Amino acid sequence: MKPMLQTLPAAALLTLVLCLVAPKTFSQAAPDVAGSWSLVSLTEYRSGTEVEVLGPHPQGQLIFASDGRYVLVGLRADLPKFASGNRLSGTAEENQRVVQGNFAHFGTYTVDPVAHVIVFHIKNGTFPNWNGEVQRRPFTLDGDRLTYMTPGSFGYGASKVVWQRLK
């Protein structure tokens, strides 16, 4: 009976530590944004004009996992097929259109619900200049519509990204 009594305080201590640590990591994963989202629009403002960066009908998904990981992919709906049929032997023009017509990154995220900011800890992506960066994106959540602003580090100004929750 004595060994069980000795392990009980250790188990209680471990539970207490997990309860104190877990809110810092898991509660910030924000259940309100956790789930799968479909890209609605990606617009940027150039000289006071709104420009659709990925065209009028962009395709994409953003998945916020409940464990604090995310994957984000966006692309133009009208990306050209490669004439060669081989993605490794596209022409300069085909490659340019594909590079300019997509973005993707993945890593971990947290949410500051008070400041209404999603914090992306970007591990890797199709724009390598962002690899390893931490980016804060102010957001609004209106029902099943998530909108946030990206930083102006694409080589142009800040942009607005709108996502619709997938059901």
N, C-alpha and C. Protein backbone atom coordinates (compact mmCIF):
# COMPACT_ATOMS: atom_id res chain seq x y z
N MET A 1 0.81 -1.19 0.00
CA MET A 1 0.00 0.00 0.00
C MET A 1 0.86 1.26 0.00
N LYS A 2 2.02 1.19 0.64
CA LYS A 2 2.87 2.36 0.74
C LYS A 2 3.36 2.87 -0.62
N PRO A 3 3.78 2.01 -1.57
CA PRO A 3 4.21 2.52 -2.87
C PRO A 3 3.12 3.33 -3.57
N MET A 4 1.84 2.93 -3.43
CA MET A 4 0.77 3.68 -4.06
C MET A 4 0.63 5.06 -3.44
N LEU A 5 0.79 5.16 -2.13
CA LEU A 5 0.70 6.45 -1.46
C LEU A 5 1.86 7.36 -1.88
N GLN A 6 3.02 6.77 -2.16
CA GLN A 6 4.16 7.59 -2.57
C GLN A 6 3.97 8.10 -4.00
N THR A 7 3.32 7.34 -4.85
CA THR A 7 3.11 7.78 -6.23
C THR A 7 1.93 8.75 -6.34
N LEU A 8 1.00 8.70 -5.41
CA LEU A 8 -0.14 9.60 -5.46
C LEU A 8 0.28 11.06 -5.40
N PRO A 9 1.16 11.46 -4.47
CA PRO A 9 1.58 12.86 -4.47
C PRO A 9 2.30 13.24 -5.77
N ALA A 10 3.08 12.35 -6.32
CA ALA A 10 3.79 12.64 -7.58
C ALA A 10 2.77 12.83 -8.71
N ALA A 11 1.75 11.99 -8.76
CA ALA A 11 0.72 12.12 -9.79
C ALA A 11 -0.06 13.42 -9.61
N ALA A 12 -0.35 13.76 -8.36
CA ALA A 12 -1.07 15.01 -8.09
C ALA A 12 -0.23 16.21 -8.51
N LEU A 13 1.05 16.16 -8.23
CA LEU A 13 1.96 17.24 -8.62
C LEU A 13 2.04 17.36 -10.14
N LEU A 14 2.14 16.23 -10.82
CA LEU A 14 2.20 16.23 -12.27
C LEU A 14 0.92 16.82 -12.85
N THR A 15 -0.23 16.45 -12.31
CA THR A 15 -1.51 16.99 -12.77
C THR A 15 -1.56 18.50 -12.58
N LEU A 16 -1.10 18.98 -11.43
CA LEU A 16 -1.08 20.41 -11.16
C LEU A 16 -0.18 21.14 -12.15
N VAL A 17 0.99 20.60 -12.42
CA VAL A 17 1.91 21.22 -13.37
C VAL A 17 1.29 21.28 -14.76
N LEU A 18 0.67 20.19 -15.19
CA LEU A 18 0.03 20.17 -16.50
C LEU A 18 -1.11 21.18 -16.57
N CYS A 19 -1.85 21.33 -15.52
CA CYS A 19 -2.94 22.30 -15.51
C CYS A 19 -2.42 23.72 -15.60
N LEU A 20 -1.28 23.98 -14.99
CA LEU A 20 -0.71 25.32 -15.04
C LEU A 20 -0.06 25.61 -16.38
N VAL A 21 0.54 24.60 -17.01
CA VAL A 21 1.23 24.80 -18.28
C VAL A 21 0.26 24.74 -19.45
N ALA A 22 -0.68 23.83 -19.43
CA ALA A 22 -1.58 23.60 -20.56
C ALA A 22 -2.33 24.85 -21.00
N PRO A 23 -2.86 25.68 -20.09
CA PRO A 23 -3.58 26.85 -20.57
C PRO A 23 -2.72 27.77 -21.42
N LYS A 24 -1.43 27.82 -21.17
CA LYS A 24 -0.56 28.70 -21.95
C LYS A 24 -0.39 28.19 -23.37
N THR A 25 -0.50 26.89 -23.57
CA THR A 25 -0.29 26.36 -24.92
C THR A 25 -1.61 26.02 -25.60
N PHE A 26 -2.49 25.33 -24.92
CA PHE A 26 -3.69 24.86 -25.58
C PHE A 26 -4.82 25.88 -25.61
N SER A 27 -5.00 26.67 -24.55
CA SER A 27 -6.11 27.61 -24.58
C SER A 27 -5.87 28.68 -25.62
N GLN A 28 -4.62 28.97 -25.93
CA GLN A 28 -4.33 29.97 -26.93
C GLN A 28 -4.56 29.43 -28.34
N ALA A 29 -4.80 28.15 -28.48
CA ALA A 29 -5.11 27.60 -29.80
C ALA A 29 -6.49 28.05 -30.24
N ALA A 30 -7.20 28.72 -29.34
CA ALA A 30 -8.49 29.36 -29.61
C ALA A 30 -9.49 28.46 -30.31
N PRO A 31 -10.32 27.81 -29.53
CA PRO A 31 -11.34 26.95 -30.11
C PRO A 31 -12.21 27.67 -31.13
N ASP A 32 -12.31 28.99 -31.02
CA ASP A 32 -13.14 29.73 -31.96
C ASP A 32 -12.60 29.69 -33.38
N VAL A 33 -11.28 29.59 -33.55
CA VAL A 33 -10.72 29.54 -34.91
C VAL A 33 -10.30 28.13 -35.31
N ALA A 34 -10.21 27.21 -34.37
CA ALA A 34 -9.80 25.84 -34.70
C ALA A 34 -10.78 25.23 -35.70
N GLY A 35 -10.23 24.54 -36.68
CA GLY A 35 -11.05 23.89 -37.69
C GLY A 35 -10.51 24.18 -39.08
N SER A 36 -11.34 23.91 -40.08
CA SER A 36 -10.94 24.06 -41.48
C SER A 36 -11.67 25.23 -42.11
N TRP A 37 -10.93 25.98 -42.92
CA TRP A 37 -11.45 27.20 -43.54
C TRP A 37 -11.16 27.17 -45.03
N SER A 38 -12.05 27.73 -45.83
CA SER A 38 -11.89 27.84 -47.28
C SER A 38 -11.61 29.30 -47.64
N LEU A 39 -10.66 29.52 -48.54
CA LEU A 39 -10.29 30.88 -48.93
C LEU A 39 -11.41 31.53 -49.74
N VAL A 40 -11.81 32.72 -49.32
CA VAL A 40 -12.84 33.49 -50.01
C VAL A 40 -12.19 34.56 -50.88
N SER A 41 -11.24 35.30 -50.29
CA SER A 41 -10.58 36.36 -51.05
C SER A 41 -9.26 36.73 -50.41
N LEU A 42 -8.39 37.25 -51.26
CA LEU A 42 -7.10 37.81 -50.83
C LEU A 42 -6.93 39.09 -51.63
N THR A 43 -7.11 40.20 -50.95
CA THR A 43 -7.01 41.49 -51.62
C THR A 43 -5.92 42.33 -50.99
N GLU A 44 -5.32 43.14 -51.83
CA GLU A 44 -4.28 44.06 -51.37
C GLU A 44 -4.66 45.45 -51.87
N TYR A 45 -4.14 46.43 -51.20
CA TYR A 45 -4.44 47.81 -51.57
C TYR A 45 -3.21 48.43 -52.20
N ARG A 46 -3.33 48.78 -53.49
CA ARG A 46 -2.25 49.43 -54.22
C ARG A 46 -2.74 50.79 -54.68
N SER A 47 -2.09 51.81 -54.20
CA SER A 47 -2.45 53.19 -54.58
C SER A 47 -3.94 53.45 -54.40
N GLY A 48 -4.49 52.96 -53.29
CA GLY A 48 -5.89 53.19 -52.99
C GLY A 48 -6.87 52.30 -53.72
N THR A 49 -6.36 51.36 -54.52
CA THR A 49 -7.21 50.45 -55.27
C THR A 49 -7.08 49.05 -54.71
N GLU A 50 -8.21 48.35 -54.61
CA GLU A 50 -8.20 46.98 -54.12
C GLU A 50 -7.91 46.03 -55.28
N VAL A 51 -6.88 45.18 -55.11
CA VAL A 51 -6.46 44.24 -56.15
C VAL A 51 -6.63 42.82 -55.63
N GLU A 52 -7.24 41.94 -56.42
CA GLU A 52 -7.40 40.54 -56.05
C GLU A 52 -6.11 39.81 -56.40
N VAL A 53 -5.30 39.51 -55.39
CA VAL A 53 -3.96 38.96 -55.59
C VAL A 53 -3.99 37.62 -56.32
N LEU A 54 -4.95 36.76 -55.98
CA LEU A 54 -5.04 35.44 -56.60
C LEU A 54 -6.22 35.33 -57.56
N GLY A 55 -6.67 36.45 -58.08
CA GLY A 55 -7.78 36.44 -59.02
C GLY A 55 -9.12 36.46 -58.32
N PRO A 56 -10.19 36.47 -59.12
CA PRO A 56 -11.53 36.62 -58.55
C PRO A 56 -12.08 35.39 -57.83
N HIS A 57 -11.52 34.22 -58.08
CA HIS A 57 -12.05 32.99 -57.47
C HIS A 57 -10.89 32.16 -56.90
N PRO A 58 -10.19 32.68 -55.90
CA PRO A 58 -9.04 31.94 -55.38
C PRO A 58 -9.47 30.64 -54.71
N GLN A 59 -8.56 29.70 -54.69
CA GLN A 59 -8.79 28.42 -54.03
C GLN A 59 -7.82 28.33 -52.86
N GLY A 60 -8.23 27.70 -51.78
CA GLY A 60 -7.31 27.54 -50.67
C GLY A 60 -7.95 26.97 -49.45
N GLN A 61 -7.11 26.52 -48.56
CA GLN A 61 -7.57 26.00 -47.27
C GLN A 61 -6.62 26.42 -46.18
N LEU A 62 -7.19 26.66 -45.02
CA LEU A 62 -6.45 26.96 -43.81
C LEU A 62 -6.99 26.01 -42.75
N ILE A 63 -6.09 25.25 -42.16
CA ILE A 63 -6.51 24.31 -41.11
C ILE A 63 -5.79 24.68 -39.83
N PHE A 64 -6.57 25.08 -38.82
CA PHE A 64 -6.06 25.34 -37.47
C PHE A 64 -6.38 24.11 -36.64
N ALA A 65 -5.39 23.31 -36.31
CA ALA A 65 -5.60 22.12 -35.49
C ALA A 65 -5.71 22.53 -34.03
N SER A 66 -6.42 21.74 -33.26
CA SER A 66 -6.59 22.04 -31.84
C SER A 66 -5.31 21.88 -31.04
N ASP A 67 -4.28 21.26 -31.63
CA ASP A 67 -3.00 21.11 -30.92
C ASP A 67 -2.05 22.27 -31.18
N GLY A 68 -2.53 23.32 -31.88
CA GLY A 68 -1.71 24.51 -32.11
C GLY A 68 -0.91 24.48 -33.40
N ARG A 69 -1.17 23.52 -34.26
CA ARG A 69 -0.49 23.47 -35.56
C ARG A 69 -1.45 23.99 -36.64
N TYR A 70 -0.85 24.48 -37.73
CA TYR A 70 -1.67 24.96 -38.84
C TYR A 70 -1.01 24.64 -40.17
N VAL A 71 -1.84 24.62 -41.22
CA VAL A 71 -1.39 24.50 -42.61
C VAL A 71 -2.24 25.48 -43.41
N LEU A 72 -1.60 26.28 -44.25
CA LEU A 72 -2.29 27.28 -45.04
C LEU A 72 -1.83 27.18 -46.50
N VAL A 73 -2.80 27.10 -47.42
CA VAL A 73 -2.50 27.00 -48.85
C VAL A 73 -3.50 27.88 -49.61
N GLY A 74 -2.98 28.67 -50.54
CA GLY A 74 -3.84 29.48 -51.40
C GLY A 74 -3.29 29.49 -52.81
N LEU A 75 -4.19 29.47 -53.81
CA LEU A 75 -3.73 29.52 -55.19
C LEU A 75 -4.80 30.04 -56.12
N ARG A 76 -4.33 30.51 -57.27
CA ARG A 76 -5.24 30.98 -58.31
C ARG A 76 -6.03 29.80 -58.86
N ALA A 77 -7.26 30.03 -59.21
CA ALA A 77 -8.08 28.99 -59.81
C ALA A 77 -7.68 28.73 -61.26
N ASP A 78 -7.02 29.71 -61.87
CA ASP A 78 -6.70 29.60 -63.30
C ASP A 78 -5.22 29.31 -63.56
N LEU A 79 -4.57 28.60 -62.67
CA LEU A 79 -3.17 28.24 -62.92
C LEU A 79 -3.07 27.40 -64.19
N PRO A 80 -2.08 27.67 -65.03
CA PRO A 80 -1.98 26.94 -66.30
C PRO A 80 -1.43 25.54 -66.10
N LYS A 81 -1.90 24.63 -66.92
CA LYS A 81 -1.28 23.30 -66.96
C LYS A 81 0.03 23.44 -67.73
N PHE A 82 1.01 22.63 -67.36
CA PHE A 82 2.29 22.67 -68.06
C PHE A 82 2.16 21.90 -69.37
N ALA A 83 2.62 22.52 -70.44
CA ALA A 83 2.52 21.90 -71.77
C ALA A 83 3.24 20.55 -71.80
N SER A 84 4.35 20.45 -71.07
CA SER A 84 5.14 19.21 -71.07
C SER A 84 4.47 18.10 -70.27
N GLY A 85 3.54 18.47 -69.39
CA GLY A 85 2.93 17.48 -68.51
C GLY A 85 3.83 17.07 -67.36
N ASN A 86 4.98 17.73 -67.22
CA ASN A 86 5.95 17.41 -66.17
C ASN A 86 6.23 18.68 -65.37
N ARG A 87 5.94 18.66 -64.08
CA ARG A 87 6.10 19.86 -63.27
C ARG A 87 7.56 20.29 -63.14
N LEU A 88 8.49 19.39 -63.40
CA LEU A 88 9.91 19.72 -63.30
C LEU A 88 10.47 20.32 -64.58
N SER A 89 9.68 20.37 -65.64
CA SER A 89 10.20 20.93 -66.89
C SER A 89 9.26 21.99 -67.46
N GLY A 90 8.71 22.83 -66.57
CA GLY A 90 7.87 23.92 -67.03
C GLY A 90 8.70 25.00 -67.72
N THR A 91 8.04 25.75 -68.59
CA THR A 91 8.72 26.87 -69.23
C THR A 91 8.91 27.99 -68.21
N ALA A 92 9.72 28.97 -68.54
CA ALA A 92 9.93 30.11 -67.63
C ALA A 92 8.60 30.81 -67.35
N GLU A 93 7.77 30.97 -68.36
CA GLU A 93 6.47 31.62 -68.19
C GLU A 93 5.54 30.78 -67.31
N GLU A 94 5.49 29.46 -67.54
CA GLU A 94 4.65 28.58 -66.72
C GLU A 94 5.10 28.63 -65.26
N ASN A 95 6.40 28.54 -65.04
CA ASN A 95 6.92 28.59 -63.67
C ASN A 95 6.62 29.92 -63.00
N GLN A 96 6.76 31.01 -63.73
CA GLN A 96 6.48 32.33 -63.17
C GLN A 96 5.02 32.45 -62.76
N ARG A 97 4.12 32.00 -63.62
CA ARG A 97 2.69 32.08 -63.30
C ARG A 97 2.35 31.24 -62.07
N VAL A 98 2.96 30.08 -61.94
CA VAL A 98 2.69 29.23 -60.78
C VAL A 98 3.24 29.87 -59.51
N VAL A 99 4.48 30.35 -59.57
CA VAL A 99 5.08 30.98 -58.39
C VAL A 99 4.26 32.20 -57.95
N GLN A 100 3.85 33.00 -58.88
CA GLN A 100 3.08 34.20 -58.54
C GLN A 100 1.62 33.89 -58.22
N GLY A 101 1.19 32.68 -58.51
CA GLY A 101 -0.22 32.32 -58.31
C GLY A 101 -0.48 31.41 -57.14
N ASN A 102 0.47 31.30 -56.20
CA ASN A 102 0.21 30.46 -55.03
C ASN A 102 1.02 30.91 -53.84
N PHE A 103 0.60 30.47 -52.69
CA PHE A 103 1.37 30.64 -51.46
C PHE A 103 0.96 29.53 -50.50
N ALA A 104 1.88 29.11 -49.69
CA ALA A 104 1.59 28.09 -48.68
C ALA A 104 2.61 28.22 -47.57
N HIS A 105 2.17 27.97 -46.36
CA HIS A 105 3.10 27.85 -45.24
C HIS A 105 2.45 27.04 -44.13
N PHE A 106 3.30 26.54 -43.23
CA PHE A 106 2.80 25.73 -42.12
C PHE A 106 3.68 25.96 -40.91
N GLY A 107 3.16 25.58 -39.76
CA GLY A 107 3.91 25.74 -38.51
C GLY A 107 2.96 25.61 -37.33
N THR A 108 3.15 26.49 -36.36
CA THR A 108 2.28 26.50 -35.19
C THR A 108 1.66 27.88 -35.07
N TYR A 109 0.60 27.95 -34.28
CA TYR A 109 -0.08 29.24 -34.10
C TYR A 109 -0.58 29.36 -32.67
N THR A 110 -0.77 30.59 -32.27
CA THR A 110 -1.47 30.91 -31.04
C THR A 110 -2.44 32.03 -31.36
N VAL A 111 -3.38 32.24 -30.48
CA VAL A 111 -4.35 33.31 -30.66
C VAL A 111 -4.39 34.13 -29.39
N ASP A 112 -4.30 35.44 -29.56
CA ASP A 112 -4.49 36.36 -28.44
C ASP A 112 -5.92 36.86 -28.57
N PRO A 113 -6.85 36.27 -27.80
CA PRO A 113 -8.26 36.61 -27.95
C PRO A 113 -8.59 38.03 -27.48
N VAL A 114 -7.79 38.57 -26.58
CA VAL A 114 -8.03 39.92 -26.08
C VAL A 114 -7.64 40.95 -27.14
N ALA A 115 -6.45 40.77 -27.73
CA ALA A 115 -5.96 41.71 -28.76
C ALA A 115 -6.51 41.36 -30.14
N HIS A 116 -7.22 40.24 -30.28
CA HIS A 116 -7.75 39.76 -31.57
C HIS A 116 -6.62 39.63 -32.59
N VAL A 117 -5.60 38.85 -32.21
CA VAL A 117 -4.44 38.64 -33.07
C VAL A 117 -4.14 37.15 -33.15
N ILE A 118 -3.97 36.67 -34.40
CA ILE A 118 -3.46 35.32 -34.63
C ILE A 118 -1.96 35.45 -34.82
N VAL A 119 -1.21 34.62 -34.11
CA VAL A 119 0.25 34.66 -34.23
C VAL A 119 0.70 33.39 -34.94
N PHE A 120 1.23 33.56 -36.15
CA PHE A 120 1.74 32.45 -36.94
C PHE A 120 3.24 32.29 -36.65
N HIS A 121 3.64 31.11 -36.25
CA HIS A 121 5.05 30.76 -36.09
C HIS A 121 5.37 29.91 -37.32
N ILE A 122 5.84 30.57 -38.37
CA ILE A 122 6.00 29.92 -39.67
C ILE A 122 7.26 29.06 -39.67
N LYS A 123 7.06 27.77 -39.88
CA LYS A 123 8.20 26.86 -39.97
C LYS A 123 8.79 26.91 -41.37
N ASN A 124 7.96 26.66 -42.39
CA ASN A 124 8.40 26.68 -43.79
C ASN A 124 7.25 27.08 -44.68
N GLY A 125 7.60 27.55 -45.88
CA GLY A 125 6.56 27.92 -46.83
C GLY A 125 7.12 28.13 -48.22
N THR A 126 6.23 28.49 -49.14
CA THR A 126 6.64 28.72 -50.52
C THR A 126 7.34 30.06 -50.71
N PHE A 127 7.28 30.93 -49.72
CA PHE A 127 8.04 32.17 -49.72
C PHE A 127 9.10 32.03 -48.63
N PRO A 128 10.30 31.54 -48.99
CA PRO A 128 11.32 31.17 -48.00
C PRO A 128 11.76 32.32 -47.09
N ASN A 129 11.54 33.54 -47.50
CA ASN A 129 11.91 34.67 -46.66
C ASN A 129 11.13 34.67 -45.34
N TRP A 130 9.99 34.00 -45.31
CA TRP A 130 9.19 33.93 -44.09
C TRP A 130 9.56 32.75 -43.19
N ASN A 131 10.35 31.81 -43.68
CA ASN A 131 10.69 30.63 -42.88
C ASN A 131 11.31 31.05 -41.55
N GLY A 132 10.76 30.53 -40.47
CA GLY A 132 11.26 30.84 -39.14
C GLY A 132 10.71 32.12 -38.54
N GLU A 133 9.90 32.87 -39.28
CA GLU A 133 9.35 34.13 -38.77
C GLU A 133 8.15 33.90 -37.87
N VAL A 134 7.90 34.88 -37.04
CA VAL A 134 6.70 34.94 -36.22
C VAL A 134 5.93 36.16 -36.71
N GLN A 135 4.70 35.96 -37.15
CA GLN A 135 3.90 37.05 -37.70
C GLN A 135 2.58 37.17 -36.97
N ARG A 136 2.27 38.39 -36.61
CA ARG A 136 1.02 38.71 -35.91
C ARG A 136 0.02 39.25 -36.93
N ARG A 137 -1.19 38.70 -36.90
CA ARG A 137 -2.19 39.13 -37.86
C ARG A 137 -3.48 39.49 -37.12
N PRO A 138 -3.82 40.76 -37.08
CA PRO A 138 -5.08 41.15 -36.45
C PRO A 138 -6.25 40.51 -37.19
N PHE A 139 -7.24 40.02 -36.45
CA PHE A 139 -8.35 39.31 -37.08
C PHE A 139 -9.69 39.72 -36.49
N THR A 140 -10.73 39.43 -37.27
CA THR A 140 -12.10 39.51 -36.79
C THR A 140 -12.76 38.18 -37.12
N LEU A 141 -13.67 37.79 -36.28
CA LEU A 141 -14.42 36.56 -36.49
C LEU A 141 -15.89 36.93 -36.41
N ASP A 142 -16.57 36.79 -37.53
CA ASP A 142 -17.99 37.14 -37.62
C ASP A 142 -18.74 35.89 -38.03
N GLY A 143 -19.24 35.15 -37.04
CA GLY A 143 -19.90 33.87 -37.33
C GLY A 143 -18.90 32.90 -37.91
N ASP A 144 -19.14 32.46 -39.14
CA ASP A 144 -18.26 31.51 -39.82
C ASP A 144 -17.32 32.20 -40.81
N ARG A 145 -17.08 33.49 -40.61
CA ARG A 145 -16.21 34.26 -41.50
C ARG A 145 -15.03 34.81 -40.69
N LEU A 146 -13.83 34.43 -41.10
CA LEU A 146 -12.59 34.87 -40.46
C LEU A 146 -11.87 35.81 -41.42
N THR A 147 -11.53 36.99 -40.94
CA THR A 147 -10.81 37.97 -41.76
C THR A 147 -9.59 38.43 -40.99
N TYR A 148 -8.44 38.44 -41.67
CA TYR A 148 -7.24 38.99 -41.04
C TYR A 148 -6.41 39.76 -42.04
N MET A 149 -5.52 40.59 -41.50
CA MET A 149 -4.62 41.40 -42.31
C MET A 149 -3.23 40.77 -42.27
N THR A 150 -2.58 40.71 -43.45
CA THR A 150 -1.21 40.19 -43.52
C THR A 150 -0.24 41.37 -43.45
N PRO A 151 0.99 41.09 -43.05
CA PRO A 151 1.99 42.16 -43.04
C PRO A 151 2.34 42.54 -44.48
N GLY A 152 2.94 43.66 -44.66
CA GLY A 152 3.29 44.12 -46.00
C GLY A 152 4.64 43.60 -46.46
N SER A 153 4.92 42.32 -46.27
CA SER A 153 6.24 41.80 -46.62
C SER A 153 6.22 40.85 -47.82
N PHE A 154 5.19 40.95 -48.65
CA PHE A 154 5.16 40.17 -49.89
C PHE A 154 5.94 40.89 -50.98
N GLY A 155 6.39 42.10 -50.69
CA GLY A 155 6.99 42.93 -51.73
C GLY A 155 5.99 43.99 -52.17
N TYR A 156 4.81 43.98 -51.57
CA TYR A 156 3.81 45.01 -51.81
C TYR A 156 3.18 45.31 -50.46
N GLY A 157 2.09 46.01 -50.45
CA GLY A 157 1.48 46.43 -49.19
C GLY A 157 0.75 45.33 -48.45
N ALA A 158 0.20 45.70 -47.33
CA ALA A 158 -0.58 44.76 -46.52
C ALA A 158 -1.80 44.30 -47.31
N SER A 159 -2.30 43.13 -46.95
CA SER A 159 -3.46 42.59 -47.64
C SER A 159 -4.48 42.06 -46.65
N LYS A 160 -5.71 41.93 -47.13
CA LYS A 160 -6.80 41.39 -46.33
C LYS A 160 -7.13 40.00 -46.85
N VAL A 161 -7.20 39.02 -45.93
CA VAL A 161 -7.51 37.65 -46.30
C VAL A 161 -8.81 37.24 -45.60
N VAL A 162 -9.73 36.70 -46.38
CA VAL A 162 -11.05 36.31 -45.85
C VAL A 162 -11.22 34.81 -46.05
N TRP A 163 -11.63 34.12 -44.98
CA TRP A 163 -11.84 32.67 -44.99
C TRP A 163 -13.25 32.37 -44.52
N GLN A 164 -13.83 31.29 -45.05
CA GLN A 164 -15.15 30.81 -44.64
C GLN A 164 -14.97 29.45 -43.99
N ARG A 165 -15.58 29.28 -42.81
CA ARG A 165 -15.46 27.98 -42.12
C ARG A 165 -16.09 26.87 -42.94
N LEU A 166 -15.41 25.76 -43.06
CA LEU A 166 -15.95 24.58 -43.74
C LEU A 166 -16.76 23.76 -42.74
N LYS A 167 -17.87 23.27 -43.17
CA LYS A 167 -18.72 22.48 -42.28
C LYS A 167 -18.88 21.09 -42.81
